[in-house]
Amino acid sequence: MPIESVTVTAAKPSEETIKSFVETRAAPTYVLGRMARWMSKLCPVTVGLGDKYAKYVSQRIRDVASSVGARVNSDPGCRPNIEVVFTTTPQGLMDRVRQTQPLLLGCHSNLHKADELARVTHPIQAWYTTVSQDMGGSKQIDVGRCGINGGTKLNVTTDAATETGGAATVGGSQLVLPCAFVVHVSGSRAKDGLSSGFFNVLIVAEPGKLLDHEVGALADYIAMLALSQPASLDSCQELPSISNMLAPGCASISNRITDGDLAFLHAFYKLPEGNFLAAQRNYVRYEMKNILVNDTPK
């Protein structure tokens, strides 16, 4: 069904406004440095609210995702990969995640970084576990720490010859590269065939700090977090956006997903796979301009 949004009747956004929105709305990943999105089917679950409201939040994520071209798992028993948790003790929850499921914190190279990632600093906050995919479709979870995924093992033939009964034989050994993994790339300067995607998104909300907001507004804000990873939760967008709702000091605040938000997500989920970051951003800017400025149908 169509997604309701806030329609802004002011002047159409400038190219600079759109550019700024794209750069702050989607952060590059740690491993490949690309904008990540859902490449696999997403499956949201919400806990910590009454059943009616929990179902509403999860369904809102599904509806927004479907409307912009993201793949949604229609199986009611699907394994969740978007967990929305409302809790009065968010830091306690994230401390447990840090100890028992650090993969859900996202990519980190050391224990100190894991501690930093687990720190709760906002009333609604998200943690993204990403994957790197090559042009053959092979995926590797972005863990950041060498050896966790086993690394790469190479059978190496040595040049040194040893004499055995007067005959020379060539020796061999196995070389283990704990920080490397094998990928298939295109070799093109324009695109290498590598893409970043989401493996899991954990969103934690503290209801006591959100009493001034209706559940519909919270669901829209959470849907944007579930579908794209912002570079910052504190950036005020000149382009009207639900993202401004909880950012401090924003001049313009929307309590519903906006036309600008949907234009971004439509463009984001039409991205060709395998492009470098600059090409990704250029593509999204171009598509957003067509939708918001040139009135090109989505």
C-alpha atoms as a PDB file:
ATOM      1  CA  MET A   1       0.000   0.000   0.000  1.00  0.00           C
ATOM      2  CA  PRO A   2       1.177   3.608  -0.525  1.00  0.00           C
ATOM      3  CA  ILE A   3       3.329   5.036   2.234  1.00  0.00           C
ATOM      4  CA  GLU A   4       2.059   8.277   3.757  1.00  0.00           C
ATOM      5  CA  SER A   5       4.674  10.986   3.998  1.00  0.00           C
ATOM      6  CA  VAL A   6       4.955  14.673   4.770  1.00  0.00           C
ATOM      7  CA  THR A   7       4.775  16.641   1.520  1.00  0.00           C
ATOM      8  CA  VAL A   8       6.760  19.868   1.653  1.00  0.00           C
ATOM      9  CA  THR A   9       5.448  22.674  -0.567  1.00  0.00           C
ATOM     10  CA  ALA A  10       8.424  25.015  -0.130  1.00  0.00           C
ATOM     11  CA  ALA A  11      11.044  25.650  -2.812  1.00  0.00           C
ATOM     12  CA  LYS A  12      12.537  22.560  -4.380  1.00  0.00           C
ATOM     13  CA  PRO A  13      15.832  21.487  -2.814  1.00  0.00           C
ATOM     14  CA  SER A  14      19.123  22.641  -4.262  1.00  0.00           C
ATOM     15  CA  GLU A  15      21.771  20.227  -5.473  1.00  0.00           C
ATOM     16  CA  GLU A  16      23.905  21.137  -2.448  1.00  0.00           C
ATOM     17  CA  THR A  17      21.047  20.285  -0.074  1.00  0.00           C
ATOM     18  CA  ILE A  18      20.586  16.898  -1.723  1.00  0.00           C
ATOM     19  CA  LYS A  19      24.340  16.264  -1.716  1.00  0.00           C
ATOM     20  CA  SER A  20      24.588  17.018   2.003  1.00  0.00           C
ATOM     21  CA  PHE A  21      21.643  14.751   2.760  1.00  0.00           C
ATOM     22  CA  VAL A  22      23.153  11.814   0.877  1.00  0.00           C
ATOM     23  CA  GLU A  23      26.559  12.173   2.526  1.00  0.00           C
ATOM     24  CA  THR A  24      25.167  12.283   6.064  1.00  0.00           C
ATOM     25  CA  ARG A  25      22.340   9.789   5.577  1.00  0.00           C
ATOM     26  CA  ALA A  26      24.461   6.786   4.543  1.00  0.00           C
ATOM     27  CA  ALA A  27      27.834   6.126   6.161  1.00  0.00           C
ATOM     28  CA  PRO A  28      30.501   4.085   4.315  1.00  0.00           C
ATOM     29  CA  THR A  29      31.303   0.688   5.788  1.00  0.00           C
ATOM     30  CA  TYR A  30      34.508  -0.070   7.691  1.00  0.00           C
ATOM     31  CA  VAL A  31      35.824  -2.763   5.330  1.00  0.00           C
ATOM     32  CA  LEU A  32      34.890  -1.765   1.769  1.00  0.00           C
ATOM     33  CA  GLY A  33      34.044   1.891   2.336  1.00  0.00           C
ATOM     34  CA  ARG A  34      30.713   1.564   0.492  1.00  0.00           C
ATOM     35  CA  MET A  35      27.161   2.546   1.393  1.00  0.00           C
ATOM     36  CA  ALA A  36      25.459  -0.539   2.817  1.00  0.00           C
ATOM     37  CA  ARG A  37      21.841  -1.563   2.318  1.00  0.00           C
ATOM     38  CA  TRP A  38      19.764  -4.711   2.575  1.00  0.00           C
ATOM     39  CA  MET A  39      20.708  -7.164  -0.171  1.00  0.00           C
ATOM     40  CA  SER A  40      19.092 -10.146   1.559  1.00  0.00           C
ATOM     41  CA  LYS A  41      15.452 -10.249   2.659  1.00  0.00           C
ATOM     42  CA  LEU A  42      14.829  -8.313   5.843  1.00  0.00           C
ATOM     43  CA  CYS A  43      12.805  -9.634   8.774  1.00  0.00           C
ATOM     44  CA  PRO A  44      12.001  -7.191  11.612  1.00  0.00           C
ATOM     45  CA  VAL A  45      10.846  -8.002  15.135  1.00  0.00           C
ATOM     46  CA  THR A  46       9.920  -5.571  17.912  1.00  0.00           C
ATOM     47  CA  VAL A  47       9.941  -6.343  21.638  1.00  0.00           C
ATOM     48  CA  GLY A  48       9.407  -4.348  24.813  1.00  0.00           C
ATOM     49  CA  LEU A  49       6.081  -2.780  23.780  1.00  0.00           C
ATOM     50  CA  GLY A  50       2.512  -3.986  24.036  1.00  0.00           C
ATOM     51  CA  ASP A  51       1.671  -6.509  21.337  1.00  0.00           C
ATOM     52  CA  LYS A  52      -0.393  -4.031  19.286  1.00  0.00           C
ATOM     53  CA  TYR A  53       2.336  -1.401  19.165  1.00  0.00           C
ATOM     54  CA  ALA A  54       5.137  -3.921  18.647  1.00  0.00           C
ATOM     55  CA  LYS A  55       3.356  -5.327  15.599  1.00  0.00           C
ATOM     56  CA  TYR A  56       2.749  -1.809  14.322  1.00  0.00           C
ATOM     57  CA  VAL A  57       6.441  -0.875  14.450  1.00  0.00           C
ATOM     58  CA  SER A  58       7.522  -4.084  12.714  1.00  0.00           C
ATOM     59  CA  GLN A  59       4.836  -3.720  10.052  1.00  0.00           C
ATOM     60  CA  ARG A  60       5.805  -0.110   9.432  1.00  0.00           C
ATOM     61  CA  ILE A  61       9.377  -1.199   8.728  1.00  0.00           C
ATOM     62  CA  ARG A  62       8.047  -3.827   6.321  1.00  0.00           C
ATOM     63  CA  ASP A  63       5.741  -1.365   4.567  1.00  0.00           C
ATOM     64  CA  VAL A  64       8.388   1.325   4.085  1.00  0.00           C
ATOM     65  CA  ALA A  65      10.914  -1.273   2.928  1.00  0.00           C
ATOM     66  CA  SER A  66       8.519  -2.767   0.378  1.00  0.00           C
ATOM     67  CA  SER A  67       7.530   0.658  -0.936  1.00  0.00           C
ATOM     68  CA  VAL A  68      11.136   1.624  -1.749  1.00  0.00           C
ATOM     69  CA  GLY A  69      12.215  -1.666  -3.310  1.00  0.00           C
ATOM     70  CA  ALA A  70      13.945  -3.423  -0.417  1.00  0.00           C
ATOM     71  CA  ARG A  71      13.379  -7.163  -0.208  1.00  0.00           C
ATOM     72  CA  VAL A  72      11.122  -8.269   2.653  1.00  0.00           C
ATOM     73  CA  ASN A  73      10.780 -11.814   3.966  1.00  0.00           C
ATOM     74  CA  SER A  74       7.079 -12.676   3.811  1.00  0.00           C
ATOM     75  CA  ASP A  75       7.446 -15.792   5.974  1.00  0.00           C
ATOM     76  CA  PRO A  76       5.797 -15.013   9.360  1.00  0.00           C
ATOM     77  CA  GLY A  77       8.285 -17.382  10.998  1.00  0.00           C
ATOM     78  CA  CYS A  78      11.374 -15.836   9.402  1.00  0.00           C
ATOM     79  CA  ARG A  79      14.533 -15.446  11.431  1.00  0.00           C
ATOM     80  CA  PRO A  80      14.770 -11.798  12.547  1.00  0.00           C
ATOM     81  CA  ASN A  81      17.679  -9.727  11.258  1.00  0.00           C
ATOM     82  CA  ILE A  82      16.276  -6.388  12.439  1.00  0.00           C
ATOM     83  CA  GLU A  83      15.699  -6.379  16.199  1.00  0.00           C
ATOM     84  CA  VAL A  84      13.915  -3.363  17.690  1.00  0.00           C
ATOM     85  CA  VAL A  85      14.161  -3.419  21.484  1.00  0.00           C
ATOM     86  CA  PHE A  86      12.350  -0.978  23.772  1.00  0.00           C
ATOM     87  CA  THR A  87      13.938  -1.153  27.210  1.00  0.00           C
ATOM     88  CA  THR A  88      14.246   0.978  30.346  1.00  0.00           C
ATOM     89  CA  THR A  89      17.849  -0.207  30.744  1.00  0.00           C
ATOM     90  CA  PRO A  90      19.468   0.241  27.322  1.00  0.00           C
ATOM     91  CA  GLN A  91      23.033   0.353  28.629  1.00  0.00           C
ATOM     92  CA  GLY A  92      22.525  -2.852  30.591  1.00  0.00           C
ATOM     93  CA  LEU A  93      21.253  -4.509  27.418  1.00  0.00           C
ATOM     94  CA  MET A  94      24.221  -3.332  25.371  1.00  0.00           C
ATOM     95  CA  ASP A  95      26.654  -4.427  28.082  1.00  0.00           C
ATOM     96  CA  ARG A  96      25.219  -7.936  27.737  1.00  0.00           C
ATOM     97  CA  VAL A  97      25.461  -7.733  23.947  1.00  0.00           C
ATOM     98  CA  ARG A  98      29.081  -6.631  24.332  1.00  0.00           C
ATOM     99  CA  GLN A  99      29.850  -9.684  26.472  1.00  0.00           C
ATOM    100  CA  THR A 100      27.802 -12.371  24.733  1.00  0.00           C
ATOM    101  CA  GLN A 101      27.180 -11.250  21.116  1.00  0.00           C
ATOM    102  CA  PRO A 102      29.821  -8.661  20.171  1.00  0.00           C
ATOM    103  CA  LEU A 103      29.203  -9.349  16.477  1.00  0.00           C
ATOM    104  CA  LEU A 104      25.964  -7.356  16.830  1.00  0.00           C
ATOM    105  CA  LEU A 105      27.934  -4.224  17.734  1.00  0.00           C
ATOM    106  CA  GLY A 106      29.252  -3.970  14.199  1.00  0.00           C
ATOM    107  CA  CYS A 107      32.765  -4.065  12.824  1.00  0.00           C
ATOM    108  CA  HIS A 108      35.476  -3.396  15.425  1.00  0.00           C
ATOM    109  CA  SER A 109      39.213  -4.013  15.317  1.00  0.00           C
ATOM    110  CA  ASN A 110      39.912  -4.327  19.047  1.00  0.00           C
ATOM    111  CA  LEU A 111      38.279  -4.695  22.453  1.00  0.00           C
ATOM    112  CA  HIS A 112      38.538  -0.986  23.254  1.00  0.00           C
ATOM    113  CA  LYS A 113      36.585  -0.170  20.092  1.00  0.00           C
ATOM    114  CA  ALA A 114      33.953  -2.722  21.097  1.00  0.00           C
ATOM    115  CA  ASP A 115      33.574  -0.942  24.434  1.00  0.00           C
ATOM    116  CA  GLU A 116      33.087   2.367  22.612  1.00  0.00           C
ATOM    117  CA  LEU A 117      30.529   0.916  20.220  1.00  0.00           C
ATOM    118  CA  ALA A 118      28.488  -0.561  23.072  1.00  0.00           C
ATOM    119  CA  ARG A 119      28.037   2.833  24.733  1.00  0.00           C
ATOM    120  CA  VAL A 120      24.455   4.137  24.604  1.00  0.00           C
ATOM    121  CA  THR A 121      24.346   7.856  23.799  1.00  0.00           C
ATOM    122  CA  HIS A 122      20.900   8.434  22.238  1.00  0.00           C
ATOM    123  CA  PRO A 123      17.276   7.609  23.135  1.00  0.00           C
ATOM    124  CA  ILE A 124      17.069   5.597  19.913  1.00  0.00           C
ATOM    125  CA  GLN A 125      20.314   4.100  18.647  1.00  0.00           C
ATOM    126  CA  ALA A 126      21.228   1.483  16.057  1.00  0.00           C
ATOM    127  CA  TRP A 127      24.091  -0.965  15.613  1.00  0.00           C
ATOM    128  CA  TYR A 128      24.892  -2.370  12.164  1.00  0.00           C
ATOM    129  CA  THR A 129      26.587  -5.648  11.314  1.00  0.00           C
ATOM    130  CA  THR A 130      27.615  -5.537   7.661  1.00  0.00           C
ATOM    131  CA  VAL A 131      28.766  -7.985   5.020  1.00  0.00           C
ATOM    132  CA  SER A 132      31.046  -7.645   2.009  1.00  0.00           C
ATOM    133  CA  GLN A 133      29.863  -9.346  -1.174  1.00  0.00           C
ATOM    134  CA  ASP A 134      31.905  -9.984  -4.308  1.00  0.00           C
ATOM    135  CA  MET A 135      30.689 -10.102  -7.896  1.00  0.00           C
ATOM    136  CA  GLY A 136      30.164 -13.857  -7.623  1.00  0.00           C
ATOM    137  CA  GLY A 137      27.743 -13.436  -4.721  1.00  0.00           C
ATOM    138  CA  SER A 138      30.096 -14.736  -2.020  1.00  0.00           C
ATOM    139  CA  LYS A 139      29.592 -12.928   1.300  1.00  0.00           C
ATOM    140  CA  GLN A 140      31.891 -12.319   4.248  1.00  0.00           C
ATOM    141  CA  ILE A 141      30.755 -10.777   7.543  1.00  0.00           C
ATOM    142  CA  ASP A 142      32.729  -7.620   8.329  1.00  0.00           C
ATOM    143  CA  VAL A 143      34.248  -8.522  11.697  1.00  0.00           C
ATOM    144  CA  GLY A 144      37.277  -6.210  11.727  1.00  0.00           C
ATOM    145  CA  ARG A 145      39.488  -8.512  13.787  1.00  0.00           C
ATOM    146  CA  CYS A 146      41.932 -10.781  11.962  1.00  0.00           C
ATOM    147  CA  GLY A 147      41.445 -14.516  12.093  1.00  0.00           C
ATOM    148  CA  ILE A 148      37.839 -14.558  13.304  1.00  0.00           C
ATOM    149  CA  ASN A 149      36.589 -15.749   9.920  1.00  0.00           C
ATOM    150  CA  GLY A 150      39.537 -18.116   9.521  1.00  0.00           C
ATOM    151  CA  GLY A 151      41.479 -15.959   7.098  1.00  0.00           C
ATOM    152  CA  THR A 152      42.777 -17.390   3.832  1.00  0.00           C
ATOM    153  CA  LYS A 153      44.950 -20.477   3.427  1.00  0.00           C
ATOM    154  CA  LEU A 154      47.209 -20.766   0.392  1.00  0.00           C
ATOM    155  CA  ASN A 155      49.119 -23.821  -0.734  1.00  0.00           C
ATOM    156  CA  VAL A 156      52.578 -22.520  -1.585  1.00  0.00           C
ATOM    157  CA  THR A 157      55.166 -24.326  -3.670  1.00  0.00           C
ATOM    158  CA  THR A 158      58.692 -23.358  -2.682  1.00  0.00           C
ATOM    159  CA  ASP A 159      61.504 -22.811  -5.147  1.00  0.00           C
ATOM    160  CA  ALA A 160      64.042 -24.485  -2.913  1.00  0.00           C
ATOM    161  CA  ALA A 161      65.010 -27.975  -4.084  1.00  0.00           C
ATOM    162  CA  THR A 162      66.123 -30.700  -1.734  1.00  0.00           C
ATOM    163  CA  GLU A 163      68.188 -33.708  -2.718  1.00  0.00           C
ATOM    164  CA  THR A 164      66.726 -37.117  -1.989  1.00  0.00           C
ATOM    165  CA  GLY A 165      68.867 -39.978  -3.166  1.00  0.00           C
ATOM    166  CA  GLY A 166      70.416 -37.829  -5.841  1.00  0.00           C
ATOM    167  CA  ALA A 167      67.037 -36.512  -7.126  1.00  0.00           C
ATOM    168  CA  ALA A 168      65.769 -32.965  -6.566  1.00  0.00           C
ATOM    169  CA  THR A 169      62.209 -32.511  -5.242  1.00  0.00           C
ATOM    170  CA  VAL A 170      60.260 -29.284  -4.874  1.00  0.00           C
ATOM    171  CA  GLY A 171      58.924 -28.655  -1.409  1.00  0.00           C
ATOM    172  CA  GLY A 172      55.484 -27.237  -0.482  1.00  0.00           C
ATOM    173  CA  SER A 173      53.766 -25.627   2.494  1.00  0.00           C
ATOM    174  CA  GLN A 174      50.552 -23.896   3.504  1.00  0.00           C
ATOM    175  CA  LEU A 175      50.582 -20.154   4.048  1.00  0.00           C
ATOM    176  CA  VAL A 176      47.894 -18.761   6.371  1.00  0.00           C
ATOM    177  CA  LEU A 177      46.848 -15.110   5.872  1.00  0.00           C
ATOM    178  CA  PRO A 178      44.605 -14.297   8.852  1.00  0.00           C
ATOM    179  CA  CYS A 179      43.615 -10.829   7.608  1.00  0.00           C
ATOM    180  CA  ALA A 180      42.845 -11.782   4.006  1.00  0.00           C
ATOM    181  CA  PHE A 181      39.861 -13.276   2.249  1.00  0.00           C
ATOM    182  CA  VAL A 182      39.345 -14.247  -1.371  1.00  0.00           C
ATOM    183  CA  VAL A 183      37.048 -12.107  -3.525  1.00  0.00           C
ATOM    184  CA  HIS A 184      36.169 -12.066  -7.204  1.00  0.00           C
ATOM    185  CA  VAL A 185      36.337  -8.585  -8.724  1.00  0.00           C
ATOM    186  CA  SER A 186      35.778  -7.109 -12.170  1.00  0.00           C
ATOM    187  CA  GLY A 187      39.058  -5.198 -12.497  1.00  0.00           C
ATOM    188  CA  SER A 188      37.230  -2.201 -13.961  1.00  0.00           C
ATOM    189  CA  ARG A 189      38.172   1.333 -12.946  1.00  0.00           C
ATOM    190  CA  ALA A 190      34.495   2.314 -12.825  1.00  0.00           C
ATOM    191  CA  LYS A 191      33.359  -0.545 -10.584  1.00  0.00           C
ATOM    192  CA  ASP A 192      35.032  -3.561  -9.026  1.00  0.00           C
ATOM    193  CA  GLY A 193      31.962  -5.697  -8.347  1.00  0.00           C
ATOM    194  CA  LEU A 194      32.221  -5.481  -4.544  1.00  0.00           C
ATOM    195  CA  SER A 195      29.196  -4.423  -2.491  1.00  0.00           C
ATOM    196  CA  SER A 196      28.387  -3.808   1.162  1.00  0.00           C
ATOM    197  CA  GLY A 197      25.167  -4.965   2.760  1.00  0.00           C
ATOM    198  CA  PHE A 198      23.491  -5.392   6.110  1.00  0.00           C
ATOM    199  CA  PHE A 199      23.698  -8.694   7.970  1.00  0.00           C
ATOM    200  CA  ASN A 200      21.894  -7.498  11.095  1.00  0.00           C
ATOM    201  CA  VAL A 201      20.553  -4.240  12.517  1.00  0.00           C
ATOM    202  CA  LEU A 202      19.928  -3.872  16.249  1.00  0.00           C
ATOM    203  CA  ILE A 203      17.871  -0.827  17.274  1.00  0.00           C
ATOM    204  CA  VAL A 204      17.477   0.029  20.957  1.00  0.00           C
ATOM    205  CA  ALA A 205      14.992   2.607  22.272  1.00  0.00           C
ATOM    206  CA  GLU A 206      14.470   3.969  25.778  1.00  0.00           C
ATOM    207  CA  PRO A 207      10.724   4.707  26.130  1.00  0.00           C
ATOM    208  CA  GLY A 208      11.118   6.994  29.148  1.00  0.00           C
ATOM    209  CA  LYS A 209      12.998   9.505  26.979  1.00  0.00           C
ATOM    210  CA  LEU A 210      10.480   9.329  24.124  1.00  0.00           C
ATOM    211  CA  LEU A 211       7.242  10.244  25.910  1.00  0.00           C
ATOM    212  CA  ASP A 212       6.728  13.364  23.770  1.00  0.00           C
ATOM    213  CA  HIS A 213       6.554  11.339  20.551  1.00  0.00           C
ATOM    214  CA  GLU A 214       3.676   9.307  19.098  1.00  0.00           C
ATOM    215  CA  VAL A 215       4.304   5.690  18.196  1.00  0.00           C
ATOM    216  CA  GLY A 216       3.756   6.512  14.507  1.00  0.00           C
ATOM    217  CA  ALA A 217       6.592   9.038  14.529  1.00  0.00           C
ATOM    218  CA  LEU A 218       8.857   6.619  16.385  1.00  0.00           C
ATOM    219  CA  ALA A 219       8.055   3.850  13.906  1.00  0.00           C
ATOM    220  CA  ASP A 220       8.978   6.082  10.958  1.00  0.00           C
ATOM    221  CA  TYR A 221      12.225   7.156  12.622  1.00  0.00           C
ATOM    222  CA  ILE A 222      13.075   3.522  13.343  1.00  0.00           C
ATOM    223  CA  ALA A 223      12.224   2.482   9.778  1.00  0.00           C
ATOM    224  CA  MET A 224      14.770   4.961   8.413  1.00  0.00           C
ATOM    225  CA  LEU A 225      17.393   3.573  10.795  1.00  0.00           C
ATOM    226  CA  ALA A 226      16.532   0.016   9.797  1.00  0.00           C
ATOM    227  CA  LEU A 227      17.002   0.722   6.081  1.00  0.00           C
ATOM    228  CA  SER A 228      20.067   2.993   6.043  1.00  0.00           C
ATOM    229  CA  GLN A 229      22.995   3.693   8.361  1.00  0.00           C
ATOM    230  CA  PRO A 230      23.479   7.411   9.054  1.00  0.00           C
ATOM    231  CA  ALA A 231      26.905   8.908   9.570  1.00  0.00           C
ATOM    232  CA  SER A 232      25.556  10.729  12.642  1.00  0.00           C
ATOM    233  CA  LEU A 233      22.343  10.858  14.656  1.00  0.00           C
ATOM    234  CA  ASP A 234      23.013  14.493  15.557  1.00  0.00           C
ATOM    235  CA  SER A 235      23.128  16.057  12.075  1.00  0.00           C
ATOM    236  CA  CYS A 236      20.312  18.458  11.196  1.00  0.00           C
ATOM    237  CA  GLN A 237      19.179  18.036   7.607  1.00  0.00           C
ATOM    238  CA  GLU A 238      18.248  21.072   5.535  1.00  0.00           C
ATOM    239  CA  LEU A 239      16.090  18.738   3.475  1.00  0.00           C
ATOM    240  CA  PRO A 240      13.019  17.991   5.639  1.00  0.00           C
ATOM    241  CA  SER A 241      13.489  14.552   7.178  1.00  0.00           C
ATOM    242  CA  ILE A 242      12.253  12.342   9.989  1.00  0.00           C
ATOM    243  CA  SER A 243      15.968  12.142  10.880  1.00  0.00           C
ATOM    244  CA  ASN A 244      15.715  15.613  12.436  1.00  0.00           C
ATOM    245  CA  MET A 245      13.139  14.488  14.985  1.00  0.00           C
ATOM    246  CA  LEU A 246      15.629  13.544  17.701  1.00  0.00           C
ATOM    247  CA  ALA A 247      18.653  15.554  16.562  1.00  0.00           C
ATOM    248  CA  PRO A 248      19.304  18.507  18.894  1.00  0.00           C
ATOM    249  CA  GLY A 249      18.691  22.069  17.724  1.00  0.00           C
ATOM    250  CA  CYS A 250      17.201  21.387  14.291  1.00  0.00           C
ATOM    251  CA  ALA A 251      15.233  24.282  12.791  1.00  0.00           C
ATOM    252  CA  SER A 252      12.956  21.939  10.843  1.00  0.00           C
ATOM    253  CA  ILE A 253      11.442  18.869  12.496  1.00  0.00           C
ATOM    254  CA  SER A 254       9.126  16.306  10.905  1.00  0.00           C
ATOM    255  CA  ASN A 255       7.162  13.731  12.843  1.00  0.00           C
ATOM    256  CA  ARG A 256       6.548  11.540   9.825  1.00  0.00           C
ATOM    257  CA  ILE A 257       8.713  10.134   7.066  1.00  0.00           C
ATOM    258  CA  THR A 258       9.028  12.797   4.362  1.00  0.00           C
ATOM    259  CA  ASP A 259       9.065  12.906   0.580  1.00  0.00           C
ATOM    260  CA  GLY A 260      12.801  13.572   0.823  1.00  0.00           C
ATOM    261  CA  ASP A 261      13.329  10.485   2.971  1.00  0.00           C
ATOM    262  CA  LEU A 262      11.385   8.311   0.548  1.00  0.00           C
ATOM    263  CA  ALA A 263      13.197   9.786  -2.464  1.00  0.00           C
ATOM    264  CA  PHE A 264      16.495   8.885  -0.821  1.00  0.00           C
ATOM    265  CA  LEU A 265      15.397   5.336  -0.017  1.00  0.00           C
ATOM    266  CA  HIS A 266      13.957   4.795  -3.517  1.00  0.00           C
ATOM    267  CA  ALA A 267      17.284   5.874  -5.041  1.00  0.00           C
ATOM    268  CA  PHE A 268      19.302   3.974  -2.449  1.00  0.00           C
ATOM    269  CA  TYR A 269      17.571   0.681  -3.151  1.00  0.00           C
ATOM    270  CA  LYS A 270      17.909   1.110  -6.920  1.00  0.00           C
ATOM    271  CA  LEU A 271      21.708   1.368  -6.655  1.00  0.00           C
ATOM    272  CA  PRO A 272      23.583  -0.897  -9.077  1.00  0.00           C
ATOM    273  CA  GLU A 273      25.780  -3.343  -7.195  1.00  0.00           C
ATOM    274  CA  GLY A 274      29.557  -3.153  -7.292  1.00  0.00           C
ATOM    275  CA  ASN A 275      30.089   0.614  -7.528  1.00  0.00           C
ATOM    276  CA  PHE A 276      32.635   2.642  -5.575  1.00  0.00           C
ATOM    277  CA  LEU A 277      31.412   5.111  -2.923  1.00  0.00           C
ATOM    278  CA  ALA A 278      31.675   8.197  -5.141  1.00  0.00           C
ATOM    279  CA  ALA A 279      29.645   6.523  -7.881  1.00  0.00           C
ATOM    280  CA  GLN A 280      27.063   5.381  -5.334  1.00  0.00           C
ATOM    281  CA  ARG A 281      26.608   8.893  -3.994  1.00  0.00           C
ATOM    282  CA  ASN A 282      26.416  10.399  -7.476  1.00  0.00           C
ATOM    283  CA  TYR A 283      23.754   7.888  -8.475  1.00  0.00           C
ATOM    284  CA  VAL A 284      21.601   8.553  -5.402  1.00  0.00           C
ATOM    285  CA  ARG A 285      21.926  12.337  -5.838  1.00  0.00           C
ATOM    286  CA  TYR A 286      20.921  12.071  -9.492  1.00  0.00           C
ATOM    287  CA  GLU A 287      17.875   9.933  -8.726  1.00  0.00           C
ATOM    288  CA  MET A 288      16.803  12.167  -5.825  1.00  0.00           C
ATOM    289  CA  LYS A 289      17.060  15.239  -8.041  1.00  0.00           C
ATOM    290  CA  ASN A 290      14.872  13.562 -10.644  1.00  0.00           C
ATOM    291  CA  ILE A 291      12.234  12.746  -8.036  1.00  0.00           C
ATOM    292  CA  LEU A 292      12.269  15.942  -5.963  1.00  0.00           C
ATOM    293  CA  VAL A 293      13.229  18.588  -8.527  1.00  0.00           C
ATOM    294  CA  ASN A 294      12.338  17.233 -11.961  1.00  0.00           C
ATOM    295  CA  ASP A 295       9.199  15.405 -10.740  1.00  0.00           C
ATOM    296  CA  THR A 296      10.250  12.208 -12.485  1.00  0.00           C
ATOM    297  CA  PRO A 297       8.044   9.277 -11.395  1.00  0.00           C
ATOM    298  CA  LYS A 298       9.745   6.823  -9.019  1.00  0.00           C
END
